[in-house]
Amino acid sequence: MRQGQRQSVRQQRAIEKLKAAGLPLPDSFEAVALEWFAKHEPSWAASHSDKIIRRLKRDVFPWIGANPIASIKPPEILQLLKRVEERGAIETTHRVQQNCGQVLVRSSNQALRRCFPAECWIAKPDPRSTCDPHSCSRLP
């Protein structure tokens, strides 16, 4: 077996072990979100951190948690937000949008970090923003 094939087999086995243990893959949205959460949790009140993790587990992870963070596009986030909005949870929709944007924009892993302006998803963009939500060239 060639060196490259052996490495690929090892990586696949590592992925299978993580999945079997119920752990997120290292570059998945869930893994990055949990890393972001762990970084900021000490500075939040317990009730606030409980709401954020509950919101992520209920409204985000089941839909995009397993996706590699680099592959997540705005339409996926919008579809996720529509699901929350359709159940009448308007304020939660806003919070989910805010949390997803924070995870995507402020990822501590510089290799995964990219310009993914959360303000581009907002109906009324911040007037200080240089991003037009209808023609934002910074979106992937």
C-alpha atoms as a PDB file:
ATOM      1  CA  MET A   1       0.000   0.000   0.000  1.00  0.00           C
ATOM      2  CA  ARG A   2       1.308   3.458  -0.837  1.00  0.00           C
ATOM      3  CA  GLN A   3       2.060   6.101   1.771  1.00  0.00           C
ATOM      4  CA  GLY A   4      -0.824   8.337   0.613  1.00  0.00           C
ATOM      5  CA  GLN A   5      -3.292   5.450   0.688  1.00  0.00           C
ATOM      6  CA  ARG A   6      -2.200   4.467   4.200  1.00  0.00           C
ATOM      7  CA  GLN A   7      -2.661   8.012   5.425  1.00  0.00           C
ATOM      8  CA  SER A   8      -6.110   8.171   3.827  1.00  0.00           C
ATOM      9  CA  VAL A   9      -7.099   4.895   5.501  1.00  0.00           C
ATOM     10  CA  ARG A  10      -5.835   6.207   8.866  1.00  0.00           C
ATOM     11  CA  GLN A  11      -7.814   9.422   8.462  1.00  0.00           C
ATOM     12  CA  GLN A  12     -10.954   7.494   7.562  1.00  0.00           C
ATOM     13  CA  ARG A  13     -10.550   5.266  10.618  1.00  0.00           C
ATOM     14  CA  ALA A  14     -10.084   8.333  12.838  1.00  0.00           C
ATOM     15  CA  ILE A  15     -13.265   9.847  11.399  1.00  0.00           C
ATOM     16  CA  GLU A  16     -15.167   6.610  11.996  1.00  0.00           C
ATOM     17  CA  LYS A  17     -13.940   6.517  15.627  1.00  0.00           C
ATOM     18  CA  LEU A  18     -15.130  10.083  16.228  1.00  0.00           C
ATOM     19  CA  LYS A  19     -18.514   9.318  14.696  1.00  0.00           C
ATOM     20  CA  ALA A  20     -18.859   6.113  16.712  1.00  0.00           C
ATOM     21  CA  ALA A  21     -18.085   8.047  19.897  1.00  0.00           C
ATOM     22  CA  GLY A  22     -20.700  10.644  18.984  1.00  0.00           C
ATOM     23  CA  LEU A  23     -18.094  13.409  18.677  1.00  0.00           C
ATOM     24  CA  PRO A  24     -18.107  16.070  15.969  1.00  0.00           C
ATOM     25  CA  LEU A  25     -15.465  16.052  13.247  1.00  0.00           C
ATOM     26  CA  PRO A  26     -12.715  18.632  13.840  1.00  0.00           C
ATOM     27  CA  ASP A  27     -13.638  20.931  10.928  1.00  0.00           C
ATOM     28  CA  SER A  28     -17.406  20.625  11.354  1.00  0.00           C
ATOM     29  CA  PHE A  29     -19.621  23.546  12.300  1.00  0.00           C
ATOM     30  CA  GLU A  30     -20.471  21.799  15.557  1.00  0.00           C
ATOM     31  CA  ALA A  31     -16.827  21.343  16.569  1.00  0.00           C
ATOM     32  CA  VAL A  32     -15.990  24.967  15.789  1.00  0.00           C
ATOM     33  CA  ALA A  33     -19.150  26.180  17.562  1.00  0.00           C
ATOM     34  CA  LEU A  34     -18.311  24.157  20.664  1.00  0.00           C
ATOM     35  CA  GLU A  35     -14.779  25.558  20.612  1.00  0.00           C
ATOM     36  CA  TRP A  36     -16.191  29.103  20.282  1.00  0.00           C
ATOM     37  CA  PHE A  37     -18.652  28.398  23.102  1.00  0.00           C
ATOM     38  CA  ALA A  38     -15.938  27.042  25.409  1.00  0.00           C
ATOM     39  CA  LYS A  39     -13.801  30.101  24.766  1.00  0.00           C
ATOM     40  CA  HIS A  40     -16.557  32.577  25.656  1.00  0.00           C
ATOM     41  CA  GLU A  41     -18.551  30.672  28.290  1.00  0.00           C
ATOM     42  CA  PRO A  42     -16.445  31.774  31.284  1.00  0.00           C
ATOM     43  CA  SER A  43     -17.318  35.416  30.622  1.00  0.00           C
ATOM     44  CA  TRP A  44     -21.085  34.775  30.390  1.00  0.00           C
ATOM     45  CA  ALA A  45     -23.678  34.320  33.110  1.00  0.00           C
ATOM     46  CA  ALA A  46     -24.700  30.681  33.554  1.00  0.00           C
ATOM     47  CA  SER A  47     -28.243  31.372  32.352  1.00  0.00           C
ATOM     48  CA  HIS A  48     -26.926  33.039  29.181  1.00  0.00           C
ATOM     49  CA  SER A  49     -24.538  30.204  28.346  1.00  0.00           C
ATOM     50  CA  ASP A  50     -27.295  27.645  28.984  1.00  0.00           C
ATOM     51  CA  LYS A  51     -29.559  29.425  26.485  1.00  0.00           C
ATOM     52  CA  ILE A  52     -26.841  29.607  23.835  1.00  0.00           C
ATOM     53  CA  ILE A  53     -25.823  25.948  24.011  1.00  0.00           C
ATOM     54  CA  ARG A  54     -29.456  24.835  24.143  1.00  0.00           C
ATOM     55  CA  ARG A  55     -30.224  26.984  21.082  1.00  0.00           C
ATOM     56  CA  LEU A  56     -27.266  25.579  19.156  1.00  0.00           C
ATOM     57  CA  LYS A  57     -28.136  21.974  20.046  1.00  0.00           C
ATOM     58  CA  ARG A  58     -31.834  22.384  19.240  1.00  0.00           C
ATOM     59  CA  ASP A  59     -31.854  24.725  16.250  1.00  0.00           C
ATOM     60  CA  VAL A  60     -28.442  24.495  14.565  1.00  0.00           C
ATOM     61  CA  PHE A  61     -26.507  21.274  15.110  1.00  0.00           C
ATOM     62  CA  PRO A  62     -29.195  18.891  13.792  1.00  0.00           C
ATOM     63  CA  TRP A  63     -29.205  20.758  10.469  1.00  0.00           C
ATOM     64  CA  ILE A  64     -25.650  21.959   9.808  1.00  0.00           C
ATOM     65  CA  GLY A  65     -23.588  20.666  12.731  1.00  0.00           C
ATOM     66  CA  ALA A  66     -21.903  17.870  10.774  1.00  0.00           C
ATOM     67  CA  ASN A  67     -21.118  20.052   7.753  1.00  0.00           C
ATOM     68  CA  PRO A  68     -17.521  21.184   7.276  1.00  0.00           C
ATOM     69  CA  ILE A  69     -17.495  24.837   8.290  1.00  0.00           C
ATOM     70  CA  ALA A  70     -15.708  25.868   5.098  1.00  0.00           C
ATOM     71  CA  SER A  71     -18.563  24.483   2.995  1.00  0.00           C
ATOM     72  CA  ILE A  72     -21.421  26.305   4.746  1.00  0.00           C
ATOM     73  CA  LYS A  73     -23.083  28.890   2.500  1.00  0.00           C
ATOM     74  CA  PRO A  74     -25.617  31.627   3.311  1.00  0.00           C
ATOM     75  CA  PRO A  75     -28.570  29.693   1.781  1.00  0.00           C
ATOM     76  CA  GLU A  76     -28.002  26.906   4.326  1.00  0.00           C
ATOM     77  CA  ILE A  77     -28.104  29.414   7.165  1.00  0.00           C
ATOM     78  CA  LEU A  78     -31.195  31.075   5.721  1.00  0.00           C
ATOM     79  CA  GLN A  79     -32.972  27.708   5.459  1.00  0.00           C
ATOM     80  CA  LEU A  80     -32.047  27.019   9.079  1.00  0.00           C
ATOM     81  CA  LEU A  81     -33.409  30.421  10.129  1.00  0.00           C
ATOM     82  CA  LYS A  82     -36.657  29.844   8.220  1.00  0.00           C
ATOM     83  CA  ARG A  83     -37.214  26.614  10.162  1.00  0.00           C
ATOM     84  CA  VAL A  84     -36.953  28.476  13.446  1.00  0.00           C
ATOM     85  CA  GLU A  85     -39.073  31.383  12.199  1.00  0.00           C
ATOM     86  CA  GLU A  86     -41.825  29.061  10.914  1.00  0.00           C
ATOM     87  CA  ARG A  87     -42.468  27.800  14.414  1.00  0.00           C
ATOM     88  CA  GLY A  88     -43.117  31.399  15.480  1.00  0.00           C
ATOM     89  CA  ALA A  89     -39.885  31.915  17.419  1.00  0.00           C
ATOM     90  CA  ILE A  90     -38.949  35.289  15.939  1.00  0.00           C
ATOM     91  CA  GLU A  91     -36.585  36.390  18.713  1.00  0.00           C
ATOM     92  CA  THR A  92     -34.914  32.973  18.699  1.00  0.00           C
ATOM     93  CA  THR A  93     -34.460  33.293  14.925  1.00  0.00           C
ATOM     94  CA  HIS A  94     -32.531  36.501  15.501  1.00  0.00           C
ATOM     95  CA  ARG A  95     -30.418  34.888  18.219  1.00  0.00           C
ATOM     96  CA  VAL A  96     -29.653  31.817  16.079  1.00  0.00           C
ATOM     97  CA  GLN A  97     -28.569  34.120  13.255  1.00  0.00           C
ATOM     98  CA  GLN A  98     -26.383  36.055  15.641  1.00  0.00           C
ATOM     99  CA  ASN A  99     -24.774  32.933  17.131  1.00  0.00           C
ATOM    100  CA  CYS A 100     -24.106  31.331  13.744  1.00  0.00           C
ATOM    101  CA  GLY A 101     -22.495  34.538  12.541  1.00  0.00           C
ATOM    102  CA  GLN A 102     -20.326  34.709  15.647  1.00  0.00           C
ATOM    103  CA  VAL A 103     -19.152  31.145  15.151  1.00  0.00           C
ATOM    104  CA  LEU A 104     -18.442  31.604  11.437  1.00  0.00           C
ATOM    105  CA  VAL A 105     -16.765  34.985  11.706  1.00  0.00           C
ATOM    106  CA  ARG A 106     -14.893  34.548  14.965  1.00  0.00           C
ATOM    107  CA  SER A 107     -13.644  31.025  14.559  1.00  0.00           C
ATOM    108  CA  SER A 108     -10.456  30.671  16.556  1.00  0.00           C
ATOM    109  CA  ASN A 109      -9.013  28.356  13.904  1.00  0.00           C
ATOM    110  CA  GLN A 110      -7.376  30.764  11.459  1.00  0.00           C
ATOM    111  CA  ALA A 111      -7.368  28.168   8.673  1.00  0.00           C
ATOM    112  CA  LEU A 112     -11.162  27.971   8.862  1.00  0.00           C
ATOM    113  CA  ARG A 113     -11.759  31.668   9.433  1.00  0.00           C
ATOM    114  CA  ARG A 114     -12.928  33.643   6.434  1.00  0.00           C
ATOM    115  CA  CYS A 115     -15.027  36.627   5.627  1.00  0.00           C
ATOM    116  CA  PHE A 116     -18.584  35.522   6.270  1.00  0.00           C
ATOM    117  CA  PRO A 117     -20.353  38.691   7.308  1.00  0.00           C
ATOM    118  CA  ALA A 118     -23.403  37.938   9.379  1.00  0.00           C
ATOM    119  CA  GLU A 119     -24.680  41.422   8.655  1.00  0.00           C
ATOM    120  CA  CYS A 120     -25.314  40.323   5.064  1.00  0.00           C
ATOM    121  CA  TRP A 121     -28.197  38.149   6.299  1.00  0.00           C
ATOM    122  CA  ILE A 122     -29.959  40.924   8.132  1.00  0.00           C
ATOM    123  CA  ALA A 123     -32.961  42.547   6.462  1.00  0.00           C
ATOM    124  CA  LYS A 124     -31.917  45.999   7.695  1.00  0.00           C
ATOM    125  CA  PRO A 125     -28.121  46.104   7.444  1.00  0.00           C
ATOM    126  CA  ASP A 126     -26.070  48.257   9.716  1.00  0.00           C
ATOM    127  CA  PRO A 127     -25.623  51.622   7.957  1.00  0.00           C
ATOM    128  CA  ARG A 128     -21.911  51.479   8.821  1.00  0.00           C
ATOM    129  CA  SER A 129     -21.568  48.169   6.969  1.00  0.00           C
ATOM    130  CA  THR A 130     -19.822  48.137   3.618  1.00  0.00           C
ATOM    131  CA  CYS A 131     -21.751  45.015   2.636  1.00  0.00           C
ATOM    132  CA  ASP A 132     -24.868  45.220   0.477  1.00  0.00           C
ATOM    133  CA  PRO A 133     -27.004  42.177   1.459  1.00  0.00           C
ATOM    134  CA  HIS A 134     -28.175  41.747  -2.127  1.00  0.00           C
ATOM    135  CA  SER A 135     -24.818  41.868  -3.868  1.00  0.00           C
ATOM    136  CA  CYS A 136     -22.178  41.194  -1.271  1.00  0.00           C
ATOM    137  CA  SER A 137     -18.997  40.214  -3.063  1.00  0.00           C
ATOM    138  CA  ARG A 138     -17.444  39.020   0.221  1.00  0.00           C
ATOM    139  CA  LEU A 139     -19.808  36.078   0.517  1.00  0.00           C
ATOM    140  CA  PRO A 140     -18.335  32.727  -0.525  1.00  0.00           C
END
